Amino acid sequence: MAAEASVLTFKVGDLDSCVVVVRQFFCENKSANTVRVALSTRDQKPLGARVWRLVDGNIEVVSRIIAGFIMTQPHGSVTISARAD
């Protein structure tokens, strides 16, 4: 069976709105178990990326961890991609 994938790109605002966007992304992609977060500057230069594996499906905790990672970086664009293997 082929893996399903989904991508969301957004501009970083504040922590609370970032958590809401990340949580909504997971709610729309319930079968996702691998998440990649790529960060870039406002002029689209890559800053780096991290990959997380969702083990227990705890969207609340993972959303806060990912939003915390995003907010510790310089403000710019965020691309979240998720896969269900």
N, C-alpha and C. Protein backbone atom coordinates (compact mmCIF):
# COMPACT_ATOMS: atom_id res chain seq x y z
N MET A 1 0.84 -1.18 0.00
CA MET A 1 0.00 0.00 0.00
C MET A 1 0.88 1.24 0.00
N ALA A 2 0.54 2.22 -0.79
CA ALA A 2 1.33 3.46 -0.89
C ALA A 2 1.10 4.32 0.34
N ALA A 3 2.14 5.08 0.70
CA ALA A 3 2.05 5.99 1.84
C ALA A 3 1.25 7.22 1.45
N GLU A 4 0.43 7.72 2.37
CA GLU A 4 -0.30 8.96 2.17
C GLU A 4 0.53 10.11 2.70
N ALA A 5 0.50 11.25 2.02
CA ALA A 5 1.27 12.41 2.46
C ALA A 5 0.42 13.66 2.40
N SER A 6 0.76 14.63 3.25
CA SER A 6 0.06 15.90 3.29
C SER A 6 1.07 17.00 3.64
N VAL A 7 0.88 18.20 3.10
CA VAL A 7 1.81 19.30 3.34
C VAL A 7 1.03 20.57 3.67
N LEU A 8 1.57 21.36 4.60
CA LEU A 8 1.01 22.65 4.97
C LEU A 8 2.16 23.64 5.10
N THR A 9 2.02 24.81 4.49
CA THR A 9 3.01 25.88 4.63
C THR A 9 2.31 27.10 5.20
N PHE A 10 2.93 27.73 6.21
CA PHE A 10 2.33 28.90 6.82
C PHE A 10 3.41 29.82 7.38
N LYS A 11 3.02 31.05 7.66
CA LYS A 11 3.91 32.04 8.28
C LYS A 11 3.78 31.93 9.79
N VAL A 12 4.88 32.07 10.48
CA VAL A 12 4.90 31.98 11.93
C VAL A 12 4.38 33.27 12.53
N GLY A 13 3.51 33.14 13.53
CA GLY A 13 3.00 34.30 14.26
C GLY A 13 3.45 34.21 15.70
N ASP A 14 2.53 33.93 16.59
CA ASP A 14 2.85 33.76 18.00
C ASP A 14 2.67 32.28 18.38
N LEU A 15 3.10 31.91 19.57
CA LEU A 15 3.08 30.51 20.01
C LEU A 15 1.67 29.94 20.00
N ASP A 16 0.71 30.65 20.54
CA ASP A 16 -0.65 30.11 20.62
C ASP A 16 -1.25 29.83 19.25
N SER A 17 -1.10 30.76 18.32
CA SER A 17 -1.65 30.53 16.98
C SER A 17 -0.88 29.44 16.26
N CYS A 18 0.42 29.32 16.52
CA CYS A 18 1.23 28.25 15.93
C CYS A 18 0.74 26.88 16.42
N VAL A 19 0.46 26.77 17.73
CA VAL A 19 -0.05 25.51 18.29
C VAL A 19 -1.39 25.16 17.64
N VAL A 20 -2.25 26.15 17.46
CA VAL A 20 -3.56 25.90 16.86
C VAL A 20 -3.41 25.39 15.42
N VAL A 21 -2.53 26.00 14.64
CA VAL A 21 -2.32 25.59 13.25
C VAL A 21 -1.77 24.17 13.21
N VAL A 22 -0.79 23.87 14.04
CA VAL A 22 -0.19 22.53 14.06
C VAL A 22 -1.22 21.49 14.50
N ARG A 23 -1.97 21.79 15.55
CA ARG A 23 -3.00 20.86 16.04
C ARG A 23 -4.05 20.60 14.97
N GLN A 24 -4.49 21.65 14.27
CA GLN A 24 -5.48 21.49 13.20
C GLN A 24 -4.93 20.61 12.08
N PHE A 25 -3.66 20.80 11.76
CA PHE A 25 -3.02 19.97 10.73
C PHE A 25 -3.10 18.50 11.12
N PHE A 26 -2.81 18.19 12.39
CA PHE A 26 -2.86 16.80 12.83
C PHE A 26 -4.29 16.27 12.87
N CYS A 27 -5.23 17.10 13.22
CA CYS A 27 -6.63 16.67 13.24
C CYS A 27 -7.10 16.31 11.83
N GLU A 28 -6.60 17.01 10.84
CA GLU A 28 -6.96 16.73 9.46
C GLU A 28 -6.17 15.56 8.87
N ASN A 29 -5.10 15.15 9.54
CA ASN A 29 -4.24 14.06 9.07
C ASN A 29 -4.04 13.04 10.19
N LYS A 30 -5.13 12.46 10.64
CA LYS A 30 -5.11 11.57 11.80
C LYS A 30 -4.23 10.33 11.63
N SER A 31 -4.03 9.89 10.41
CA SER A 31 -3.23 8.68 10.20
C SER A 31 -1.73 8.97 10.09
N ALA A 32 -1.34 10.24 10.18
CA ALA A 32 0.08 10.60 10.06
C ALA A 32 0.88 10.02 11.21
N ASN A 33 2.03 9.43 10.89
CA ASN A 33 2.91 8.91 11.94
C ASN A 33 4.35 9.38 11.79
N THR A 34 4.66 10.08 10.72
CA THR A 34 5.98 10.69 10.53
C THR A 34 5.75 12.14 10.11
N VAL A 35 6.39 13.07 10.84
CA VAL A 35 6.19 14.49 10.58
C VAL A 35 7.54 15.15 10.34
N ARG A 36 7.64 15.95 9.29
CA ARG A 36 8.85 16.72 9.00
C ARG A 36 8.48 18.19 9.03
N VAL A 37 9.25 18.96 9.78
CA VAL A 37 9.04 20.41 9.88
C VAL A 37 10.27 21.08 9.28
N ALA A 38 10.06 21.85 8.21
CA ALA A 38 11.14 22.59 7.56
C ALA A 38 10.92 24.08 7.78
N LEU A 39 11.98 24.77 8.18
CA LEU A 39 11.90 26.20 8.45
C LEU A 39 12.69 26.97 7.40
N SER A 40 12.19 28.14 7.05
CA SER A 40 12.90 29.00 6.11
C SER A 40 12.70 30.45 6.52
N THR A 41 13.60 31.31 6.06
CA THR A 41 13.51 32.73 6.35
C THR A 41 12.38 33.35 5.54
N ARG A 42 12.12 34.61 5.79
CA ARG A 42 11.05 35.31 5.05
C ARG A 42 11.31 35.33 3.54
N ASP A 43 12.60 35.32 3.17
CA ASP A 43 12.92 35.30 1.74
C ASP A 43 13.18 33.88 1.23
N GLN A 44 12.65 32.87 1.96
CA GLN A 44 12.64 31.46 1.56
C GLN A 44 14.00 30.76 1.55
N LYS A 45 14.97 31.26 2.31
CA LYS A 45 16.24 30.56 2.47
C LYS A 45 16.07 29.51 3.57
N PRO A 46 16.46 28.27 3.31
CA PRO A 46 16.27 27.19 4.29
C PRO A 46 17.06 27.45 5.58
N LEU A 47 16.41 27.19 6.72
CA LEU A 47 17.06 27.30 8.03
C LEU A 47 17.38 25.92 8.61
N GLY A 48 16.61 24.94 8.24
CA GLY A 48 16.81 23.60 8.77
C GLY A 48 15.50 22.86 8.89
N ALA A 49 15.60 21.61 9.29
CA ALA A 49 14.41 20.77 9.39
C ALA A 49 14.60 19.74 10.49
N ARG A 50 13.49 19.25 11.01
CA ARG A 50 13.48 18.18 12.00
C ARG A 50 12.41 17.18 11.61
N VAL A 51 12.62 15.94 12.00
CA VAL A 51 11.65 14.88 11.75
C VAL A 51 11.26 14.27 13.08
N TRP A 52 9.95 14.07 13.26
CA TRP A 52 9.44 13.41 14.46
C TRP A 52 8.63 12.20 14.03
N ARG A 53 8.67 11.19 14.85
CA ARG A 53 7.87 9.98 14.66
C ARG A 53 6.78 9.99 15.74
N LEU A 54 5.53 9.92 15.34
CA LEU A 54 4.42 9.92 16.29
C LEU A 54 4.17 8.48 16.74
N VAL A 55 4.42 8.22 18.00
CA VAL A 55 4.29 6.86 18.50
C VAL A 55 2.92 6.59 19.10
N ASP A 56 2.47 7.46 19.99
CA ASP A 56 1.21 7.20 20.70
C ASP A 56 0.05 8.04 20.20
N GLY A 57 0.26 8.88 19.21
CA GLY A 57 -0.80 9.69 18.64
C GLY A 57 -1.29 10.82 19.53
N ASN A 58 -0.50 11.24 20.52
CA ASN A 58 -0.90 12.31 21.42
C ASN A 58 -0.70 13.66 20.72
N ILE A 59 -1.74 14.11 20.03
CA ILE A 59 -1.67 15.33 19.22
C ILE A 59 -1.35 16.56 20.06
N GLU A 60 -1.93 16.65 21.24
CA GLU A 60 -1.74 17.82 22.10
C GLU A 60 -0.26 18.03 22.43
N VAL A 61 0.41 16.99 22.89
CA VAL A 61 1.82 17.10 23.28
C VAL A 61 2.70 17.36 22.06
N VAL A 62 2.49 16.61 21.01
CA VAL A 62 3.31 16.78 19.80
C VAL A 62 3.13 18.17 19.20
N SER A 63 1.91 18.68 19.22
CA SER A 63 1.65 20.03 18.69
C SER A 63 2.44 21.08 19.45
N ARG A 64 2.48 20.96 20.77
CA ARG A 64 3.23 21.93 21.58
C ARG A 64 4.74 21.80 21.38
N ILE A 65 5.23 20.58 21.25
CA ILE A 65 6.67 20.37 21.01
C ILE A 65 7.07 20.97 19.66
N ILE A 66 6.29 20.68 18.64
CA ILE A 66 6.61 21.20 17.31
C ILE A 66 6.49 22.73 17.28
N ALA A 67 5.44 23.27 17.88
CA ALA A 67 5.27 24.73 17.93
C ALA A 67 6.42 25.38 18.70
N GLY A 68 6.87 24.75 19.78
CA GLY A 68 8.01 25.26 20.54
C GLY A 68 9.26 25.29 19.70
N PHE A 69 9.50 24.23 18.92
CA PHE A 69 10.64 24.18 18.02
C PHE A 69 10.55 25.31 16.99
N ILE A 70 9.37 25.48 16.42
CA ILE A 70 9.18 26.52 15.40
C ILE A 70 9.45 27.91 15.99
N MET A 71 8.93 28.16 17.18
CA MET A 71 9.04 29.50 17.77
C MET A 71 10.44 29.83 18.28
N THR A 72 11.32 28.85 18.46
CA THR A 72 12.68 29.14 18.89
C THR A 72 13.56 29.57 17.73
N GLN A 73 13.06 29.48 16.52
CA GLN A 73 13.81 29.83 15.33
C GLN A 73 13.44 31.24 14.88
N PRO A 74 14.27 31.86 14.03
CA PRO A 74 13.91 33.18 13.50
C PRO A 74 12.58 33.09 12.74
N HIS A 75 11.77 34.12 12.85
CA HIS A 75 10.46 34.11 12.20
C HIS A 75 10.60 34.05 10.69
N GLY A 76 9.75 33.27 10.10
CA GLY A 76 9.75 33.11 8.66
C GLY A 76 8.63 32.16 8.28
N SER A 77 8.89 31.27 7.33
CA SER A 77 7.89 30.32 6.88
C SER A 77 8.16 28.94 7.48
N VAL A 78 7.09 28.20 7.63
CA VAL A 78 7.17 26.84 8.14
C VAL A 78 6.45 25.93 7.16
N THR A 79 7.05 24.79 6.86
CA THR A 79 6.39 23.77 6.06
C THR A 79 6.35 22.50 6.87
N ILE A 80 5.14 21.99 7.09
CA ILE A 80 4.97 20.74 7.81
C ILE A 80 4.49 19.72 6.81
N SER A 81 5.14 18.59 6.76
CA SER A 81 4.68 17.50 5.92
C SER A 81 4.55 16.26 6.80
N ALA A 82 3.52 15.49 6.50
CA ALA A 82 3.25 14.29 7.30
C ALA A 82 2.99 13.12 6.37
N ARG A 83 3.37 11.96 6.86
CA ARG A 83 3.17 10.72 6.11
C ARG A 83 2.54 9.67 7.00
N ALA A 84 1.73 8.86 6.40
CA ALA A 84 1.20 7.68 7.06
C ALA A 84 1.80 6.49 6.30
N ASP A 85 2.62 5.73 6.96
CA ASP A 85 3.27 4.58 6.30
C ASP A 85 2.38 3.38 6.27
